[in-house]
Protein backbone atom coordinates (compact mmCIF):
# COMPACT_ATOMS: atom_id res chain seq x y z
CA MET A 1 28.06 -3.03 -30.69
CA GLN A 2 30.59 -1.07 -28.61
CA ARG A 3 28.60 2.12 -28.03
CA GLN A 4 25.22 2.49 -26.34
CA ILE A 5 22.90 5.09 -27.82
CA PHE A 6 22.01 7.76 -25.27
CA GLY A 7 18.25 8.18 -25.02
CA SER A 8 17.32 4.76 -26.34
CA VAL A 9 14.51 2.96 -24.54
CA SER A 10 16.83 0.12 -23.55
CA SER A 11 19.71 2.34 -22.42
CA PRO A 12 18.83 2.64 -18.68
CA PHE A 13 18.31 -1.11 -18.39
CA LEU A 14 21.53 -1.98 -20.20
CA CYS A 15 23.49 0.49 -18.09
CA SER A 16 22.15 -0.94 -14.81
CA GLN A 17 22.55 -4.54 -15.97
CA VAL A 18 26.17 -4.05 -17.08
CA LEU A 19 27.05 -2.40 -13.74
CA ARG A 20 25.43 -5.27 -11.81
CA HIS A 21 27.27 -7.80 -13.99
CA ILE A 22 30.61 -6.18 -13.15
CA ALA A 23 29.69 -6.23 -9.45
CA ASP A 24 28.78 -9.94 -9.72
CA LEU A 25 32.11 -10.82 -11.36
CA HIS A 26 34.23 -9.07 -8.72
CA HIS A 27 32.03 -9.40 -5.65
CA GLU A 28 34.57 -11.43 -3.69
CA GLU A 29 37.35 -8.87 -4.20
CA PHE A 30 35.20 -5.75 -3.69
CA SER A 31 32.25 -6.93 -1.57
CA GLU A 32 31.28 -3.52 -0.11
CA ALA A 33 31.70 -1.70 -3.41
CA ALA A 34 29.61 -4.37 -5.15
CA GLU A 35 26.77 -3.90 -2.66
CA ARG A 36 27.05 -0.16 -3.30
CA VAL A 37 26.58 -0.79 -7.03
CA TYR A 38 23.48 -2.91 -6.32
CA LYS A 39 21.78 -0.39 -4.03
CA ASN A 40 23.21 3.11 -4.57
CA PHE A 41 23.52 3.55 -8.33
CA TYR A 42 20.83 5.46 -10.20
CA VAL A 43 21.63 4.87 -13.91
CA ASP A 44 25.19 6.33 -13.99
CA ASN A 45 25.09 8.29 -10.70
CA LEU A 46 26.47 6.92 -7.44
CA LEU A 47 24.83 8.40 -4.33
CA ASP A 48 25.86 7.41 -0.83
CA SER A 49 26.53 8.81 2.65
CA PHE A 50 29.17 7.94 5.21
CA TYR A 51 29.75 8.59 8.89
CA THR A 52 33.48 9.32 8.59
CA GLU A 53 35.90 10.70 6.00
CA GLU A 54 37.90 7.47 6.16
CA GLU A 55 34.86 5.45 5.08
CA ALA A 56 34.15 7.89 2.25
CA SER A 57 37.75 7.77 1.00
CA ARG A 58 37.79 3.97 1.06
CA ALA A 59 34.44 3.84 -0.78
CA VAL A 60 35.74 6.18 -3.51
CA LYS A 61 38.89 4.09 -3.95
CA ASP A 62 37.10 0.70 -4.01
CA SER A 63 34.23 1.83 -6.23
CA THR A 64 36.62 3.36 -8.75
CA ALA A 65 38.77 0.20 -8.79
CA LEU A 66 35.76 -2.09 -9.17
CA LEU A 67 34.26 -0.28 -12.14
CA LYS A 68 37.66 0.11 -13.75
CA LYS A 69 37.68 -3.68 -14.05
CA GLY A 70 34.85 -3.30 -16.55
CA GLY A 71 36.30 -0.32 -18.38
CA PHE A 72 34.26 2.34 -16.58
CA HIS A 73 35.90 5.43 -15.06
CA LEU A 74 34.13 7.10 -12.16
CA ASN A 75 34.75 10.83 -12.07
CA GLN A 76 33.23 14.16 -10.99
CA TRP A 77 33.62 13.38 -7.30
CA PRO A 78 32.37 16.52 -5.41
CA GLU A 79 35.26 17.82 -3.32
CA ASP A 80 34.89 21.58 -2.96
CA LEU A 81 31.34 22.00 -4.22
CA PRO A 82 29.18 23.41 -1.39
CA THR A 83 26.02 23.09 -3.49
CA GLU A 84 25.36 20.22 -5.87
CA ARG A 85 22.28 19.20 -7.86
CA THR A 86 21.59 15.56 -7.10
CA LEU A 87 18.96 13.83 -9.22
CA GLY A 88 17.13 17.10 -9.69
CA VAL A 89 17.27 18.16 -6.02
CA LEU A 90 19.68 20.86 -4.82
CA TYR A 91 21.92 19.61 -2.00
CA ASP A 92 24.07 21.80 0.26
CA SER A 93 27.00 19.71 1.53
CA GLU A 94 28.12 22.33 4.07
CA SER A 95 24.83 22.38 6.02
CA ASP A 96 23.86 18.85 4.93
CA SER A 97 20.47 20.07 3.72
CA PHE A 98 18.23 19.79 0.70
CA ILE A 99 17.40 23.21 -0.76
CA PHE A 100 14.39 24.30 -2.79
CA ASP A 101 14.65 27.59 -4.62
CA VAL A 102 11.65 27.78 -6.94
CA LYS A 103 10.17 30.76 -8.75
CA THR A 104 7.02 30.02 -10.68
CA ASP A 105 5.39 31.98 -13.49
CA VAL A 106 3.65 34.95 -11.85
CA LYS A 107 1.39 35.40 -14.88
CA ALA A 108 0.20 31.83 -14.98
CA SER A 109 -3.54 32.21 -15.54
CA THR A 110 -4.37 29.39 -17.98
CA LYS A 111 -4.35 25.65 -17.71
CA ARG A 112 -1.21 25.37 -19.82
CA ARG A 113 0.85 27.93 -17.87
CA ILE A 114 -0.27 26.73 -14.44
CA LEU A 115 0.52 23.13 -15.40
CA ARG A 116 3.96 24.30 -16.53
CA ALA A 117 4.44 26.11 -13.22
CA VAL A 118 3.40 23.06 -11.18
CA SER A 119 5.81 20.88 -13.16
CA THR A 120 8.74 23.02 -11.97
CA LEU A 121 8.10 21.83 -8.40
CA TYR A 122 10.22 18.69 -8.61
CA ASP A 123 9.94 16.98 -5.24
CA PRO A 124 10.52 13.18 -5.35
CA LEU A 125 10.80 12.89 -1.55
CA GLY A 126 7.61 14.79 -0.72
CA PHE A 127 9.15 17.68 1.24
CA LEU A 128 6.93 20.19 -0.58
CA SER A 129 3.77 18.07 -0.35
CA PRO A 130 1.59 20.83 1.21
CA VAL A 131 2.55 23.35 -1.49
CA ILE A 132 2.16 20.87 -4.34
CA LEU A 133 -1.26 19.87 -3.03
CA SER A 134 -2.43 23.48 -3.21
CA ALA A 135 -1.18 23.72 -6.80
CA LYS A 136 -2.84 20.43 -7.74
CA ARG A 137 -6.10 21.64 -6.22
CA ILE A 138 -6.10 24.63 -8.58
CA LEU A 139 -5.49 22.33 -11.55
CA GLN A 140 -8.23 20.00 -10.39
CA GLU A 141 -10.69 22.87 -10.21
CA PHE A 142 -9.86 23.74 -13.82
CA TRP A 143 -10.83 20.29 -15.01
CA LEU A 144 -13.85 20.12 -12.72
CA VAL A 145 -15.53 23.34 -13.87
CA GLY A 146 -14.27 23.10 -17.44
CA VAL A 147 -13.22 26.77 -17.76
CA ASP A 148 -10.01 28.75 -17.30
CA LEU A 149 -9.51 30.49 -13.96
CA ASP A 150 -7.86 33.90 -14.00
CA GLU A 151 -6.25 33.39 -10.60
CA GLN A 152 -2.62 34.00 -9.72
CA VAL A 153 -0.74 31.76 -7.33
CA PRO A 154 2.03 32.80 -4.92
CA ASN A 155 5.19 32.89 -6.98
CA GLN A 156 8.21 32.30 -4.74
CA LEU A 157 9.65 29.54 -2.62
CA GLU A 158 13.14 30.77 -1.87
CA ALA A 159 15.92 28.96 -0.01
CA PHE A 160 13.59 26.48 1.68
CA LYS A 161 15.91 24.02 3.47
CA ILE A 162 15.29 20.48 4.69
CA PRO A 163 18.11 19.37 7.06
CA ARG A 164 18.99 15.71 6.78
CA ALA A 165 19.10 13.48 9.85
CA LEU A 166 22.14 11.29 9.29
CA THR A 167 22.96 9.64 12.59
CA SER A 168 25.07 6.58 13.27
CA SER A 169 22.76 3.78 14.35
CA SER A 170 25.28 2.68 16.99
CA ASP A 171 24.61 5.93 18.87
CA ILE A 172 20.91 5.14 19.30
CA GLN A 173 19.54 2.02 20.90
CA ASP A 174 15.85 2.40 20.05
CA ILE A 175 14.87 3.69 16.60
CA GLN A 176 11.18 4.25 15.87
CA LEU A 177 9.52 5.18 12.61
CA HIS A 178 6.34 7.26 12.98
CA ALA A 179 4.03 7.56 9.96
CA PHE A 180 1.35 10.26 10.20
CA CYS A 181 -1.61 10.16 7.83
CA ASP A 182 -4.59 12.45 7.35
CA ALA A 183 -7.36 13.29 4.91
CA PHE A 184 -9.55 16.21 4.03
CA THR A 185 -12.11 16.81 1.32
CA VAL A 186 -9.38 18.09 -1.02
CA GLY A 187 -6.53 15.65 -0.34
CA PHE A 188 -5.14 12.77 1.67
CA GLY A 189 -1.99 10.87 2.50
CA SER A 190 1.43 11.02 4.08
CA LEU A 191 2.65 12.26 0.71
CA SER A 192 -0.01 14.59 -0.62
CA ARG A 193 -2.58 13.15 -3.02
CA VAL A 194 -5.45 15.17 -4.43
CA ALA A 195 -8.84 13.70 -3.53
CA PRO A 196 -10.53 12.05 -6.55
CA LEU A 197 -13.26 13.94 -8.38
CA ARG A 198 -15.65 11.07 -7.67
CA PRO A 199 -16.86 11.95 -4.18
CA LEU A 200 -15.65 9.75 -1.34
CA THR A 201 -16.63 10.01 2.30
CA VAL A 202 -14.03 11.47 4.64
CA PRO A 203 -13.53 8.12 6.46
CA LYS A 204 -12.74 6.48 3.11
CA LEU A 205 -10.26 9.24 2.31
CA GLU A 206 -8.71 8.78 5.76
CA LEU A 207 -8.37 5.07 5.00
CA GLN A 208 -6.71 5.90 1.68
CA GLY A 209 -4.26 8.07 3.62
CA ALA A 210 -3.50 5.14 5.93
CA VAL A 211 -2.73 2.95 2.91
CA VAL A 212 -0.39 5.62 1.50
CA ALA A 213 1.38 5.78 4.89
CA LEU A 214 1.80 1.99 4.89
CA ARG A 215 3.30 1.98 1.39
CA LEU A 216 5.60 4.85 2.30
CA VAL A 217 6.87 2.97 5.36
CA LYS A 218 7.51 -0.16 3.27
CA PHE A 219 9.59 1.91 0.84
CA VAL A 220 11.54 3.60 3.64
CA GLN A 221 12.24 0.24 5.29
CA SER A 222 13.54 -1.24 2.05
CA THR A 223 15.80 1.79 1.45
CA LEU A 224 17.24 2.58 4.88
CA ARG A 225 20.22 0.62 6.13
CA ILE A 226 19.35 1.50 9.72
CA PRO A 227 17.46 -1.15 11.75
CA ILE A 228 14.04 0.07 12.90
CA ASN A 229 12.86 -1.29 16.24
CA GLN A 230 9.26 -0.09 16.14
CA ILE A 231 6.81 1.34 13.61
CA ILE A 232 3.83 3.46 14.66
CA TYR A 233 1.05 4.59 12.32
CA LEU A 234 -0.83 7.66 13.57
CA SER A 235 -4.21 8.85 12.30
CA ASP A 236 -6.69 11.37 13.69
CA SER A 237 -9.60 9.27 12.40
CA LYS A 238 -11.12 7.12 15.13
CA THR A 239 -13.17 5.35 12.49
CA VAL A 240 -10.11 4.13 10.57
CA VAL A 241 -8.35 2.96 13.73
CA GLN A 242 -11.54 1.10 14.71
CA TRP A 243 -11.73 -0.56 11.31
CA ILE A 244 -8.11 -1.72 11.50
CA ALA A 245 -8.43 -3.04 15.06
CA SER A 246 -11.80 -4.75 14.55
CA LYS A 247 -11.90 -8.50 15.17
CA THR A 248 -15.61 -9.16 14.61
CA CYS A 249 -16.82 -6.91 11.76
CA ARG A 250 -16.95 -7.57 8.06
CA PHE A 251 -16.73 -4.57 5.77
CA GLN A 252 -17.89 -3.46 2.36
CA THR A 253 -15.52 -4.19 -0.57
CA PHE A 254 -13.78 -0.79 -0.74
CA VAL A 255 -12.92 -0.77 2.96
CA ALA A 256 -12.27 -4.51 3.20
CA ASN A 257 -9.64 -4.49 0.43
CA ARG A 258 -7.67 -1.65 2.01
CA ILE A 259 -7.93 -3.05 5.55
CA SER A 260 -6.63 -6.34 4.16
CA GLU A 261 -3.57 -4.62 2.65
CA ILE A 262 -2.87 -2.79 5.91
CA LEU A 263 -3.14 -5.94 8.05
CA GLU A 264 -1.00 -7.91 5.60
CA HIS A 265 2.01 -5.67 6.28
CA SER A 266 1.38 -4.33 9.81
CA GLN A 267 -0.10 -5.26 13.16
CA PRO A 268 -3.34 -3.71 14.45
CA THR A 269 -1.52 -2.56 17.60
CA GLU A 270 0.79 -0.41 15.46
CA SER A 271 -2.10 1.85 14.40
CA ARG A 272 -2.91 4.53 16.96
CA HIS A 273 -5.26 7.48 17.23
CA VAL A 274 -3.91 11.00 17.61
CA THR A 275 -5.78 14.29 17.81
CA GLY A 276 -5.92 16.54 14.76
CA ILE A 277 -3.77 19.16 16.49
CA GLU A 278 -0.97 16.63 17.04
CA ASN A 279 -1.22 15.15 13.53
CA LEU A 280 1.75 16.34 11.45
CA ALA A 281 0.10 15.18 8.21
CA ASP A 282 -2.59 17.85 8.51
CA GLU A 283 -0.60 20.12 6.19
CA CYS A 284 -0.44 17.28 3.67
CA SER A 285 -4.21 16.96 3.42
CA ARG A 286 -5.18 20.64 3.52
CA GLY A 287 -2.21 22.20 1.71
CA LEU A 288 -0.11 25.31 2.29
CA PHE A 289 0.84 28.22 0.09
CA PRO A 290 4.57 28.93 -0.31
CA ASP A 291 4.57 31.90 2.05
CA GLU A 292 2.89 29.76 4.73
CA MET A 293 5.35 26.94 4.06
CA MET A 294 8.39 29.11 4.64
CA GLY A 295 7.43 29.80 8.25
CA ASN A 296 6.02 26.36 9.08
CA TYR A 297 8.36 24.92 11.71
CA ARG A 298 6.03 22.01 12.46
CA TRP A 299 6.12 20.50 8.95
CA VAL A 300 9.92 20.37 8.86
CA ASN A 301 10.78 19.47 12.46
CA GLY A 302 7.57 18.05 13.88
CA LYS A 303 5.63 19.22 16.88
CA ASP A 304 7.67 19.73 20.05
CA ILE A 305 5.76 17.06 21.95
CA TRP A 306 7.05 14.32 19.63
CA GLN A 307 10.64 15.27 20.46
CA GLN A 308 10.10 14.60 24.16
CA GLU A 309 10.21 11.34 26.08
CA GLU A 310 7.59 8.74 25.15
CA ASN A 311 5.75 9.13 28.46
CA ALA A 312 4.98 12.74 27.45
CA TRP A 313 3.28 11.72 24.21
CA PRO A 314 -0.53 11.77 23.90
CA ILE A 315 -2.14 8.84 25.70
CA THR A 316 -3.33 6.06 23.39
CA ILE A 317 -7.06 5.50 23.84
CA LYS A 318 -8.75 2.14 23.43
CA LEU A 319 -11.55 2.33 20.90
CA PRO A 320 -14.64 0.06 20.82
CA GLU A 321 -15.70 -2.12 17.90
CA PRO A 322 -17.29 -0.28 14.95
CA SER A 323 -21.01 0.33 15.29
CA VAL A 324 -23.41 -1.90 13.35
CA GLU A 325 -24.92 1.35 12.05
CA ASP A 326 -21.66 2.16 10.24
CA PRO A 327 -22.55 2.06 6.51
CA GLU A 328 -19.22 0.37 5.73
CA VAL A 329 -19.95 -2.55 8.08
CA SER A 330 -21.57 -5.45 6.24
CA ALA A 331 -24.65 -7.05 7.73
CA THR A 332 -23.65 -10.32 9.36
CA ASN A 333 -25.07 -13.30 7.49
CA TRP A 334 -26.57 -15.65 10.09
CA ILE A 335 -25.86 -19.31 9.41
CA GLY A 336 -27.60 -21.96 11.46
CA LEU A 337 -30.04 -24.84 11.55
CA VAL A 338 -33.68 -24.45 12.50
CA TYR A 339 -35.26 -27.46 14.13
CA GLY A 340 -38.93 -28.08 13.59
CA LEU A 341 -41.29 -30.82 12.57
CA ALA A 342 -39.68 -33.63 10.62
CA GLU A 343 -40.06 -33.17 6.88
CA GLU A 344 -41.69 -35.82 4.75
CA ASN A 345 -39.54 -38.32 2.91
CA ARG A 346 -39.27 -36.75 -0.53
CA LEU A 347 -38.27 -39.97 -2.21
CA ILE A 348 -41.47 -41.65 -0.99
CA SER A 349 -43.46 -38.59 -2.08
CA LEU A 350 -41.92 -38.90 -5.57
CA LEU A 351 -42.92 -42.57 -5.73
CA GLU A 352 -46.45 -41.77 -4.59
CA ARG A 353 -46.93 -39.00 -7.17
CA ASN A 354 -45.69 -41.03 -10.15
CA SER A 355 -47.08 -44.36 -11.29
CA ASN A 356 -44.43 -44.92 -13.99
CA TYR A 357 -41.57 -46.85 -12.46
CA ASP A 358 -39.08 -46.14 -15.25
CA VAL A 359 -39.65 -42.35 -15.05
CA VAL A 360 -39.14 -42.35 -11.27
CA MET A 361 -35.93 -44.37 -11.52
CA ARG A 362 -34.51 -42.00 -14.17
CA ILE A 363 -35.39 -38.99 -11.99
CA VAL A 364 -33.65 -40.56 -8.99
CA ALA A 365 -30.65 -41.48 -11.14
CA TRP A 366 -30.26 -37.87 -12.32
CA ILE A 367 -30.51 -36.63 -8.71
CA LEU A 368 -27.81 -39.07 -7.60
CA ARG A 369 -25.66 -38.00 -10.59
CA PHE A 370 -26.00 -34.34 -9.52
CA ILE A 371 -25.05 -35.14 -5.91
CA SER A 372 -22.02 -37.12 -7.05
CA ASN A 373 -20.81 -34.42 -9.46
CA SER A 374 -21.18 -31.70 -6.83
CA LYS A 375 -18.46 -33.43 -4.81
CA LEU A 376 -16.02 -33.58 -7.73
CA LYS A 377 -13.94 -31.02 -9.61
CA LEU A 378 -15.45 -29.63 -12.81
CA LEU A 379 -13.10 -31.62 -15.05
CA ASP A 380 -14.04 -34.88 -13.27
CA HIS A 381 -17.83 -34.49 -13.71
CA VAL A 382 -19.64 -37.44 -15.24
CA LYS A 383 -21.54 -36.24 -18.31
CA SER A 384 -22.56 -39.49 -19.99
CA ARG A 385 -26.16 -40.61 -20.47
CA ILE A 386 -28.08 -42.43 -17.76
CA GLY A 387 -27.50 -46.12 -18.45
CA VAL A 388 -28.60 -49.48 -17.00
CA LYS A 389 -26.07 -49.31 -14.13
CA CYS A 390 -27.34 -45.86 -13.12
CA ILE A 391 -30.95 -47.09 -13.14
CA GLN A 392 -29.98 -50.13 -11.02
CA HIS A 393 -28.10 -47.88 -8.57
CA ALA A 394 -31.19 -45.65 -8.30
CA ALA A 395 -33.41 -48.70 -7.62
CA ASN A 396 -31.05 -49.93 -4.88
CA HIS A 397 -31.07 -46.47 -3.32
CA CYS A 398 -34.89 -46.44 -3.27
CA ILE A 399 -35.02 -49.91 -1.71
CA LYS A 400 -32.50 -48.92 0.96
CA SER A 401 -34.43 -45.72 1.72
CA ALA A 402 -37.69 -47.69 2.07
CA GLN A 403 -36.01 -50.13 4.46
CA LEU A 404 -34.65 -47.32 6.61
CA GLU A 405 -38.10 -45.73 6.71
CA LYS A 406 -39.94 -48.96 7.54
CA TYR A 407 -37.46 -50.57 9.92
CA SER A 408 -35.88 -47.49 11.51
CA LYS A 409 -36.08 -48.83 15.08
CA LYS A 410 -34.47 -52.15 14.17
CA ASN A 411 -31.72 -50.39 12.27
CA ARG A 412 -30.93 -48.26 15.34
CA GLY A 413 -30.81 -51.44 17.40
CA PHE A 414 -28.38 -53.04 14.99
CA LYS A 415 -26.13 -50.01 15.19
CA GLU A 416 -26.19 -50.02 18.99
């Protein structure tokens, strides 16, 4: 087979695997280009950024030479194209910005047409999260009430630009990654998610948002080639920050599972409380219409206070442990030993209540069998019938117990 069918289920895998195989074969000769094949190829598209023109020229030359070894010819290098569509997103190379120019169906008034309009908002990086959340809310209401809504949505999102921040890491000594998360009754997250139809309390939604922020940070860390010195998770929910920082409380299953995931990949000290006004994820949880989005400086650039020195940021407050009245806090199971009057010797009581020696010995033998099996793994359990040896072992146990009961003082003396 010398030709791969375009559109076949196996085609993307075979394409990626062949490219990686070529990179493996010639890794020593083209080490940087090989790493670029591993990390910067999406099917047959190579996407990368460089700090200087010299680096870009060298990357073009080495990548082309590497893939030529396997019979592949890289072409369509953008030279004089100010605007290029990259994996579905419009990119302006002159201003180094991502551009969104979307016009939806102004007559969309049914489920089908609104769904088609929402699908035109292709946003893999989450820049349009507030707008998409508003659109998803309308769709969710359709399914919730079960009827068509004759409601028009704002129809234009023209020339909305997201400037990239491509800065050489050598120019900055301390790089921090701040992840804001928020929740409202209609949505949650750092990337907008519509709240589920099954009602959840706001603290649970806030916790869901914190989990989304954690997963987003993990993805960013695995993708960026810039070392990050510090990560800070910011939430305007005191309850969630208390849950994460708690050292003494046990929580109900829903909360416990998500707290466990957060603590597995972050430190409690990295989660901080911030007021709702300072929380940049507020737009993510409440949503914005396109006309509001166009003039929203805060969503694109952040609030001015976060661009100042760290000593000007909001002061981190220390929160107490969650209250025992919190419905998500499990009641603590008390484990202890209560001392009281000495209980009667149950073995002697068994002997006193039964006059048949054989029956008593078989009962004791079964009890000893149960105690022995409880200390073994399931596969090692003894399941045979009670035989003569078991009866003799039970009799010896009864004799020993009677001796300890009758001569307890002497036994303590022997031990001393």
